[in-house]
Amino acid sequence: MEDLQKLINEKQGQILALKAYLNETDYMIIKKSEGYEVAREVLDARAQARQDINILEKEIKELEEIEQTN
């Protein structure tokens, strides 16, 4: 049970780090909407971060369901 909670906490920490990255680069997306160039690497990294967040949130939900059944 503690192992599940530890894993959930680790995944939540990863989500927080990914969301921090998105927050740090939000201004670039605003600039892009104003016509400025944004590096492809940043756009790709933001897309990957969103995808990773979705995966981690799904994994957390599954772990929480396992935890509730135990």
C-alpha atoms as a PDB file:
ATOM      1  CA  MET A   1       0.000   0.000   0.000  1.00  0.00           C
ATOM      2  CA  GLU A   2       2.804   2.421   0.876  1.00  0.00           C
ATOM      3  CA  ASP A   3       4.582   1.464  -2.334  1.00  0.00           C
ATOM      4  CA  LEU A   4       1.512   2.438  -4.358  1.00  0.00           C
ATOM      5  CA  GLN A   5       1.275   5.792  -2.605  1.00  0.00           C
ATOM      6  CA  LYS A   6       4.975   6.397  -3.143  1.00  0.00           C
ATOM      7  CA  LEU A   7       4.563   5.668  -6.853  1.00  0.00           C
ATOM      8  CA  ILE A   8       1.526   7.963  -7.040  1.00  0.00           C
ATOM      9  CA  ASN A   9       3.498  10.737  -5.336  1.00  0.00           C
ATOM     10  CA  GLU A  10       6.397  10.307  -7.762  1.00  0.00           C
ATOM     11  CA  LYS A  11       4.062  10.546 -10.736  1.00  0.00           C
ATOM     12  CA  GLN A  12       2.409  13.631  -9.260  1.00  0.00           C
ATOM     13  CA  GLY A  13       5.859  15.177  -8.873  1.00  0.00           C
ATOM     14  CA  GLN A  14       6.582  14.479 -12.528  1.00  0.00           C
ATOM     15  CA  ILE A  15       3.296  16.120 -13.482  1.00  0.00           C
ATOM     16  CA  LEU A  16       4.158  19.206 -11.437  1.00  0.00           C
ATOM     17  CA  ALA A  17       7.541  19.467 -13.166  1.00  0.00           C
ATOM     18  CA  LEU A  18       5.941  19.155 -16.602  1.00  0.00           C
ATOM     19  CA  LYS A  19       3.303  21.756 -15.756  1.00  0.00           C
ATOM     20  CA  ALA A  20       6.039  24.076 -14.515  1.00  0.00           C
ATOM     21  CA  TYR A  21       7.752  23.746 -17.897  1.00  0.00           C
ATOM     22  CA  LEU A  22       4.500  24.566 -19.677  1.00  0.00           C
ATOM     23  CA  ASN A  23       4.020  27.615 -17.451  1.00  0.00           C
ATOM     24  CA  GLU A  24       7.593  28.758 -18.106  1.00  0.00           C
ATOM     25  CA  THR A  25       7.112  28.590 -21.867  1.00  0.00           C
ATOM     26  CA  ASP A  26       3.556  29.954 -22.084  1.00  0.00           C
ATOM     27  CA  TYR A  27       4.879  33.385 -23.003  1.00  0.00           C
ATOM     28  CA  MET A  28       6.454  31.902 -26.128  1.00  0.00           C
ATOM     29  CA  ILE A  29       3.061  30.695 -27.316  1.00  0.00           C
ATOM     30  CA  ILE A  30       1.621  34.147 -26.743  1.00  0.00           C
ATOM     31  CA  LYS A  31       4.485  35.606 -28.771  1.00  0.00           C
ATOM     32  CA  LYS A  32       3.825  33.035 -31.502  1.00  0.00           C
ATOM     33  CA  SER A  33       0.220  34.231 -31.720  1.00  0.00           C
ATOM     34  CA  GLU A  34       1.645  37.737 -32.228  1.00  0.00           C
ATOM     35  CA  GLY A  35       3.685  36.532 -35.192  1.00  0.00           C
ATOM     36  CA  TYR A  36       7.026  35.782 -33.540  1.00  0.00           C
ATOM     37  CA  GLU A  37       8.963  32.625 -34.313  1.00  0.00           C
ATOM     38  CA  VAL A  38       9.086  29.870 -31.710  1.00  0.00           C
ATOM     39  CA  ALA A  39      11.669  27.116 -31.982  1.00  0.00           C
ATOM     40  CA  ARG A  40      10.293  23.790 -33.178  1.00  0.00           C
ATOM     41  CA  GLU A  41      12.025  22.137 -30.214  1.00  0.00           C
ATOM     42  CA  VAL A  42       9.927  24.187 -27.789  1.00  0.00           C
ATOM     43  CA  LEU A  43       6.690  23.382 -29.597  1.00  0.00           C
ATOM     44  CA  ASP A  44       7.590  19.694 -29.695  1.00  0.00           C
ATOM     45  CA  ALA A  45       8.626  19.654 -26.033  1.00  0.00           C
ATOM     46  CA  ARG A  46       5.359  21.328 -25.012  1.00  0.00           C
ATOM     47  CA  ALA A  47       3.343  18.791 -26.997  1.00  0.00           C
ATOM     48  CA  GLN A  48       5.326  15.959 -25.406  1.00  0.00           C
ATOM     49  CA  ALA A  49       4.812  17.446 -21.939  1.00  0.00           C
ATOM     50  CA  ARG A  50       1.040  17.556 -22.452  1.00  0.00           C
ATOM     51  CA  GLN A  51       1.059  13.973 -23.707  1.00  0.00           C
ATOM     52  CA  ASP A  52       3.173  12.828 -20.753  1.00  0.00           C
ATOM     53  CA  ILE A  53       0.848  14.592 -18.304  1.00  0.00           C
ATOM     54  CA  ASN A  54      -2.142  12.775 -19.768  1.00  0.00           C
ATOM     55  CA  ILE A  55      -0.360   9.424 -19.508  1.00  0.00           C
ATOM     56  CA  LEU A  56       0.763  10.056 -15.933  1.00  0.00           C
ATOM     57  CA  GLU A  57      -2.727  11.166 -14.878  1.00  0.00           C
ATOM     58  CA  LYS A  58      -4.175   7.957 -16.339  1.00  0.00           C
ATOM     59  CA  GLU A  59      -1.546   5.879 -14.537  1.00  0.00           C
ATOM     60  CA  ILE A  60      -2.315   7.649 -11.250  1.00  0.00           C
ATOM     61  CA  LYS A  61      -6.012   6.971 -11.674  1.00  0.00           C
ATOM     62  CA  GLU A  62      -5.300   3.279 -12.269  1.00  0.00           C
ATOM     63  CA  LEU A  63      -3.026   3.109  -9.213  1.00  0.00           C
ATOM     64  CA  GLU A  64      -5.652   4.810  -7.057  1.00  0.00           C
ATOM     65  CA  GLU A  65      -8.232   2.261  -8.195  1.00  0.00           C
ATOM     66  CA  ILE A  66      -5.872  -0.573  -7.252  1.00  0.00           C
ATOM     67  CA  GLU A  67      -5.237   1.082  -3.905  1.00  0.00           C
ATOM     68  CA  GLN A  68      -8.969   1.338  -3.200  1.00  0.00           C
ATOM     69  CA  THR A  69      -9.542  -2.354  -3.916  1.00  0.00           C
ATOM     70  CA  ASN A  70      -6.840  -3.407  -1.452  1.00  0.00           C
END
